[in-house]
Amino acid sequence: MARYLDHLRRRNLRPTYIDAQMRTLRRVEAFLEPEIHVVDATTEDLERYLDSHDQSAGSRATEIAHLRAYFHWAHDEGLTLDDPARRITKPKQRRALPRPIPDDKIAQALEHAPDDVAPILYLALYAGLRACEIAQLRAEDISLDPPLIFIMESKGGGMSSVPLAPQLEQALRRYPLPRRGWLFPRLDGKPGHHSRVRIGQLANQYLHSVGVDQTLHQWRHAYGSHLQRLTGNLRLVQELMRHQSPNSTAIYTYVNPVEQVRALARLPMFDDGSEQEFRIAT
């Protein structure tokens, strides 16, 4: 485990990705040991672990990906004669439907949002930031000239940026955010910033306390859906949401069924005025 951890760090992978990989391996270790060491696990052992707890197809696929990465490395290092994770069947993941928070719920939540939660909600709504990106923001990452928010580590690694919307700039000015350093520093006196999990907890606990069932990530869904409705340009929305593929963007861009019906109603009518029987060719 220590050797594998060193290997991941030498690859300069994101700390959040490394932590997720190691958490999966520790869970497997706790499930199999002391009878079986992780590196000696068979395909059947790994499938027993995966079947031991209820999880979504997406979560199972993520754990399988972590196991495959570990055993591929172990096989290359000569620690195993076989790669047991290679033969695990990966579940088919169905395409998710967009789940933007409704506009009335947005207004309801923002009306009484406390100072430590409101900026989080605005950053998700007007910049489409994820919880992990909000957590790591520093005051110096927000530029007024040019109006940009710099994201030091995006999902998938690497830096990115998103335009600073005028509405977001005005909203953030209303709250007592730090002028230097982390925007959301830890409150226990230790150095560093809130974790991704803590950012999500702060937002979701507040939302549920005011009767809003949606989660923080659904504010990012609303960001994408509003942009798609206003622009009709999926490629532009893809760039603003910082997706590598438009297929990912489509998951976030909700199209109102009423708008679909209106679009169909605008189709041209080709009718010569005569009544004809409609038949399917055979």
Protein backbone atom coordinates (compact mmCIF):
# COMPACT_ATOMS: atom_id res chain seq x y z
CA MET A 1 0.00 0.00 0.00
CA ALA A 2 2.82 2.40 0.89
CA ARG A 3 4.61 1.66 -2.37
CA TYR A 4 1.45 2.24 -4.35
CA LEU A 5 0.81 5.51 -2.53
CA ASP A 6 4.35 6.67 -3.43
CA HIS A 7 3.67 5.65 -7.04
CA LEU A 8 0.50 7.77 -7.19
CA ARG A 9 2.28 10.76 -5.68
CA ARG A 10 5.19 10.48 -8.13
CA ARG A 11 2.64 10.62 -10.96
CA ASN A 12 1.57 14.01 -9.59
CA LEU A 13 -2.08 12.98 -9.48
CA ARG A 14 -4.65 15.13 -7.74
CA PRO A 15 -4.70 14.66 -3.94
CA THR A 16 -8.46 14.11 -4.03
CA TYR A 17 -8.02 11.32 -6.59
CA ILE A 18 -5.26 9.70 -4.53
CA ASP A 19 -7.39 9.88 -1.39
CA ALA A 20 -10.32 8.26 -3.19
CA GLN A 21 -8.12 5.43 -4.47
CA MET A 22 -6.62 4.77 -1.06
CA ARG A 23 -10.03 4.82 0.65
CA THR A 24 -11.25 2.11 -1.73
CA LEU A 25 -8.18 -0.03 -1.06
CA ARG A 26 -8.50 0.39 2.72
CA ARG A 27 -12.12 -0.74 2.54
CA VAL A 28 -11.09 -3.81 0.55
CA GLU A 29 -8.30 -4.45 3.06
CA ALA A 30 -10.71 -4.27 6.01
CA PHE A 31 -13.12 -6.64 4.23
CA LEU A 32 -10.55 -9.31 3.27
CA GLU A 33 -7.95 -9.29 6.01
CA PRO A 34 -6.64 -11.02 8.05
CA GLU A 35 -7.51 -14.09 5.94
CA ILE A 36 -6.47 -12.59 2.61
CA HIS A 37 -4.06 -9.78 1.86
CA VAL A 38 -5.30 -7.35 -0.78
CA VAL A 39 -2.49 -8.07 -3.20
CA ASP A 40 -3.35 -11.80 -3.06
CA ALA A 41 -7.05 -11.28 -3.78
CA THR A 42 -8.73 -13.18 -6.61
CA THR A 43 -11.42 -11.91 -8.94
CA GLU A 44 -13.97 -13.75 -6.79
CA ASP A 45 -12.65 -12.04 -3.64
CA LEU A 46 -12.98 -8.60 -5.23
CA GLU A 47 -16.49 -9.34 -6.48
CA ARG A 48 -17.47 -10.51 -2.98
CA TYR A 49 -16.29 -7.17 -1.65
CA LEU A 50 -18.20 -5.22 -4.31
CA ASP A 51 -21.36 -7.23 -3.61
CA SER A 52 -21.06 -6.70 0.15
CA HIS A 53 -22.51 -3.19 0.14
CA ASP A 54 -25.32 -1.46 -1.71
CA GLN A 55 -24.17 1.20 -4.13
CA SER A 56 -25.18 2.82 -7.37
CA ALA A 57 -23.83 1.64 -10.71
CA GLY A 58 -21.69 4.79 -10.85
CA SER A 59 -20.15 4.18 -7.43
CA ARG A 60 -19.46 0.53 -8.26
CA ALA A 61 -17.83 1.54 -11.55
CA THR A 62 -15.61 4.02 -9.69
CA GLU A 63 -14.46 1.37 -7.20
CA ILE A 64 -13.75 -1.05 -10.04
CA ALA A 65 -11.66 1.62 -11.77
CA HIS A 66 -9.65 2.11 -8.56
CA LEU A 67 -9.10 -1.64 -8.20
CA ARG A 68 -8.03 -1.97 -11.82
CA ALA A 69 -5.50 0.83 -11.43
CA TYR A 70 -4.02 -0.79 -8.31
CA PHE A 71 -3.79 -4.33 -9.68
CA HIS A 72 -2.44 -3.14 -13.03
CA TRP A 73 0.37 -1.45 -11.12
CA ALA A 74 0.88 -4.50 -8.86
CA HIS A 75 1.11 -6.80 -11.88
CA ASP A 76 3.65 -4.52 -13.60
CA GLU A 77 5.68 -4.45 -10.38
CA GLY A 78 5.77 -8.26 -10.24
CA LEU A 79 3.76 -8.37 -7.02
CA THR A 80 1.07 -10.54 -8.61
CA LEU A 81 1.16 -13.25 -11.27
CA ASP A 82 -2.25 -12.20 -12.53
CA ASP A 83 -4.47 -9.14 -12.70
CA PRO A 84 -7.72 -10.18 -10.97
CA ALA A 85 -9.41 -6.81 -11.37
CA ARG A 86 -9.20 -6.99 -15.16
CA ARG A 87 -11.93 -9.66 -15.28
CA ILE A 88 -14.44 -7.82 -13.06
CA THR A 89 -17.56 -6.90 -15.02
CA LYS A 90 -18.13 -3.17 -15.05
CA PRO A 91 -21.80 -2.18 -14.74
CA LYS A 92 -23.53 -0.34 -17.55
CA GLN A 93 -24.34 3.18 -16.43
CA ARG A 94 -27.55 4.65 -17.70
CA ARG A 95 -27.53 8.22 -18.91
CA ALA A 96 -28.56 10.50 -16.10
CA LEU A 97 -31.33 13.06 -16.47
CA PRO A 98 -30.66 16.73 -15.71
CA ARG A 99 -31.82 17.74 -12.25
CA PRO A 100 -31.61 21.54 -12.01
CA ILE A 101 -32.98 23.16 -8.89
CA PRO A 102 -36.25 24.96 -9.79
CA ASP A 103 -36.15 28.76 -9.94
CA ASP A 104 -38.63 29.16 -7.09
CA LYS A 105 -36.44 27.00 -4.85
CA ILE A 106 -33.41 29.13 -5.76
CA ALA A 107 -35.24 32.28 -4.68
CA GLN A 108 -36.46 30.58 -1.51
CA ALA A 109 -32.97 29.46 -0.54
CA LEU A 110 -31.21 32.73 -1.31
CA GLU A 111 -33.72 34.87 0.56
CA HIS A 112 -32.48 33.88 4.01
CA ALA A 113 -29.09 32.26 3.27
CA PRO A 114 -26.54 33.01 6.02
CA ASP A 115 -23.23 34.70 5.25
CA ASP A 116 -21.24 31.45 5.34
CA VAL A 117 -23.57 29.67 2.88
CA ALA A 118 -24.80 32.32 0.43
CA PRO A 119 -21.42 32.78 -1.36
CA ILE A 120 -21.23 29.01 -1.88
CA LEU A 121 -24.65 28.98 -3.52
CA TYR A 122 -23.86 31.98 -5.72
CA LEU A 123 -20.58 30.43 -6.91
CA ALA A 124 -22.44 27.29 -7.99
CA LEU A 125 -25.31 29.23 -9.58
CA TYR A 126 -23.39 31.92 -11.50
CA ALA A 127 -20.04 30.18 -12.14
CA GLY A 128 -21.07 26.53 -12.13
CA LEU A 129 -18.35 25.66 -9.63
CA ARG A 130 -18.25 22.22 -8.04
CA ALA A 131 -17.90 21.80 -4.28
CA CYS A 132 -14.23 20.81 -4.64
CA GLU A 133 -13.54 23.95 -6.70
CA ILE A 134 -15.36 26.23 -4.26
CA ALA A 135 -13.42 24.73 -1.35
CA GLN A 136 -10.01 25.59 -2.82
CA LEU A 137 -10.80 29.14 -3.95
CA ARG A 138 -8.56 31.94 -2.74
CA ALA A 139 -9.40 35.64 -2.83
CA GLU A 140 -6.50 36.10 -5.25
CA ASP A 141 -8.17 33.68 -7.70
CA ILE A 142 -10.97 36.15 -8.42
CA SER A 143 -9.89 38.76 -10.97
CA LEU A 144 -11.89 41.88 -11.85
CA ASP A 145 -9.69 42.84 -14.81
CA PRO A 146 -10.14 40.64 -16.74
CA PRO A 147 -13.30 39.38 -14.99
CA LEU A 148 -12.32 35.76 -14.39
CA ILE A 149 -12.30 33.12 -11.67
CA PHE A 150 -9.16 31.02 -11.82
CA ILE A 151 -9.51 27.41 -10.68
CA MET A 152 -6.17 25.98 -9.63
CA GLU A 153 -7.31 22.35 -9.81
CA SER A 154 -10.35 21.38 -11.82
CA LYS A 155 -12.00 17.99 -12.01
CA GLY A 156 -9.61 15.82 -14.00
CA GLY A 157 -6.63 17.93 -12.95
CA GLY A 158 -5.08 21.06 -14.37
CA MET A 159 -5.98 24.73 -14.14
CA SER A 160 -9.02 26.30 -15.71
CA SER A 161 -11.01 29.50 -15.52
CA VAL A 162 -14.57 30.70 -15.88
CA PRO A 163 -15.82 34.24 -16.55
CA LEU A 164 -16.87 36.25 -13.51
CA ALA A 165 -20.53 37.09 -14.11
CA PRO A 166 -21.53 40.64 -13.08
CA GLN A 167 -24.33 39.18 -10.93
CA LEU A 168 -21.80 37.04 -9.08
CA GLU A 169 -19.42 39.96 -8.50
CA GLN A 170 -22.24 42.05 -7.02
CA ALA A 171 -23.40 39.18 -4.84
CA LEU A 172 -19.95 38.37 -3.43
CA ARG A 173 -19.37 42.02 -2.49
CA ARG A 174 -22.26 41.77 -0.02
CA TYR A 175 -20.57 39.17 2.16
CA PRO A 176 -17.59 39.43 4.58
CA LEU A 177 -15.25 37.22 2.59
CA PRO A 178 -11.47 37.34 3.22
CA ARG A 179 -9.58 39.77 1.01
CA ARG A 180 -6.53 37.48 0.99
CA GLY A 181 -6.02 33.75 1.29
CA TRP A 182 -8.67 31.05 1.34
CA LEU A 183 -12.23 32.23 0.79
CA PHE A 184 -13.47 29.43 3.04
CA PRO A 185 -10.73 28.79 5.62
CA ARG A 186 -10.97 26.11 8.27
CA LEU A 187 -12.59 27.28 11.48
CA ASP A 188 -10.68 25.04 13.89
CA GLY A 189 -7.55 27.18 13.82
CA LYS A 190 -5.62 24.77 11.61
CA PRO A 191 -4.15 25.98 8.31
CA GLY A 192 -5.95 25.21 5.08
CA HIS A 193 -9.44 25.45 3.71
CA HIS A 194 -12.76 23.68 4.11
CA SER A 195 -12.84 20.28 2.45
CA ARG A 196 -15.09 19.46 -0.49
CA VAL A 197 -17.23 17.40 1.88
CA ARG A 198 -17.57 20.26 4.37
CA ILE A 199 -18.60 22.73 1.64
CA GLY A 200 -21.32 20.31 0.56
CA GLN A 201 -22.45 19.77 4.14
CA LEU A 202 -22.74 23.49 4.84
CA ALA A 203 -24.85 24.09 1.75
CA ASN A 204 -27.02 20.97 1.91
CA GLN A 205 -27.76 21.21 5.63
CA TYR A 206 -28.92 24.79 5.15
CA LEU A 207 -31.00 23.94 2.06
CA HIS A 208 -32.78 21.09 3.83
CA SER A 209 -33.38 23.29 6.89
CA VAL A 210 -35.44 25.71 4.77
CA GLY A 211 -37.41 23.00 2.99
CA VAL A 212 -35.33 22.77 -0.19
CA ASP A 213 -34.73 19.11 -1.06
CA GLN A 214 -32.18 19.73 -3.82
CA THR A 215 -28.43 19.58 -3.20
CA LEU A 216 -25.61 22.01 -3.94
CA HIS A 217 -24.61 20.17 -7.12
CA GLN A 218 -28.05 20.80 -8.56
CA TRP A 219 -27.24 24.53 -8.53
CA ARG A 220 -24.55 23.68 -11.07
CA HIS A 221 -27.24 21.86 -13.07
CA ALA A 222 -29.30 25.07 -12.99
CA TYR A 223 -26.27 27.05 -14.24
CA GLY A 224 -25.95 24.81 -17.28
CA SER A 225 -29.69 24.65 -17.95
CA HIS A 226 -30.12 28.43 -17.80
CA LEU A 227 -27.18 28.95 -20.16
CA GLN A 228 -28.51 26.43 -22.66
CA ARG A 229 -31.98 27.97 -22.62
CA LEU A 230 -30.62 31.51 -23.03
CA THR A 231 -28.06 30.75 -25.74
CA GLY A 232 -29.17 27.52 -27.43
CA ASN A 233 -25.45 26.87 -27.95
CA LEU A 234 -24.39 23.54 -26.42
CA ARG A 235 -20.76 24.09 -27.47
CA LEU A 236 -20.64 27.40 -25.59
CA VAL A 237 -22.23 25.83 -22.53
CA GLN A 238 -19.69 23.00 -22.71
CA GLU A 239 -16.85 25.51 -22.48
CA LEU A 240 -18.46 27.44 -19.64
CA MET A 241 -19.05 24.23 -17.68
CA ARG A 242 -15.51 23.06 -18.49
CA HIS A 243 -16.53 19.67 -19.84
CA GLN A 244 -14.27 17.65 -22.12
CA SER A 245 -17.26 16.20 -23.97
CA PRO A 246 -20.63 17.70 -24.93
CA ASN A 247 -22.16 14.41 -23.78
CA SER A 248 -21.30 15.43 -20.22
CA THR A 249 -22.83 18.86 -20.77
CA ALA A 250 -26.08 17.35 -22.01
CA ILE A 251 -26.60 15.72 -18.61
CA TYR A 252 -26.71 19.17 -17.00
CA THR A 253 -28.79 21.05 -19.54
CA TYR A 254 -32.46 20.53 -18.82
CA VAL A 255 -34.83 21.34 -21.66
CA ASN A 256 -38.33 22.23 -20.54
CA PRO A 257 -40.98 20.00 -22.21
CA VAL A 258 -43.11 23.12 -22.83
CA GLU A 259 -40.24 24.58 -24.89
CA GLN A 260 -40.02 21.31 -26.84
CA VAL A 261 -43.72 21.52 -27.74
CA ARG A 262 -43.32 25.16 -28.80
CA ALA A 263 -40.40 24.19 -31.01
CA LEU A 264 -42.45 21.44 -32.68
CA ALA A 265 -45.30 23.89 -33.25
CA ARG A 266 -42.96 26.09 -35.31
CA LEU A 267 -42.21 23.29 -37.81
CA PRO A 268 -43.46 24.23 -41.30
CA MET A 269 -46.69 22.61 -42.45
CA PHE A 270 -46.51 21.02 -45.90
CA ASP A 271 -50.13 20.47 -46.82
CA ASP A 272 -51.76 20.68 -50.26
CA GLY A 273 -55.17 21.00 -48.67
CA SER A 274 -56.40 17.54 -49.64
CA GLU A 275 -57.30 14.84 -47.16
CA GLN A 276 -55.11 11.79 -47.62
CA GLU A 277 -55.02 8.50 -45.80
CA PHE A 278 -51.77 8.00 -43.90
CA ARG A 279 -50.23 4.59 -44.48
CA ILE A 280 -46.98 3.02 -43.46
CA ALA A 281 -45.11 1.56 -46.39
CA THR A 282 -44.59 -2.19 -46.20
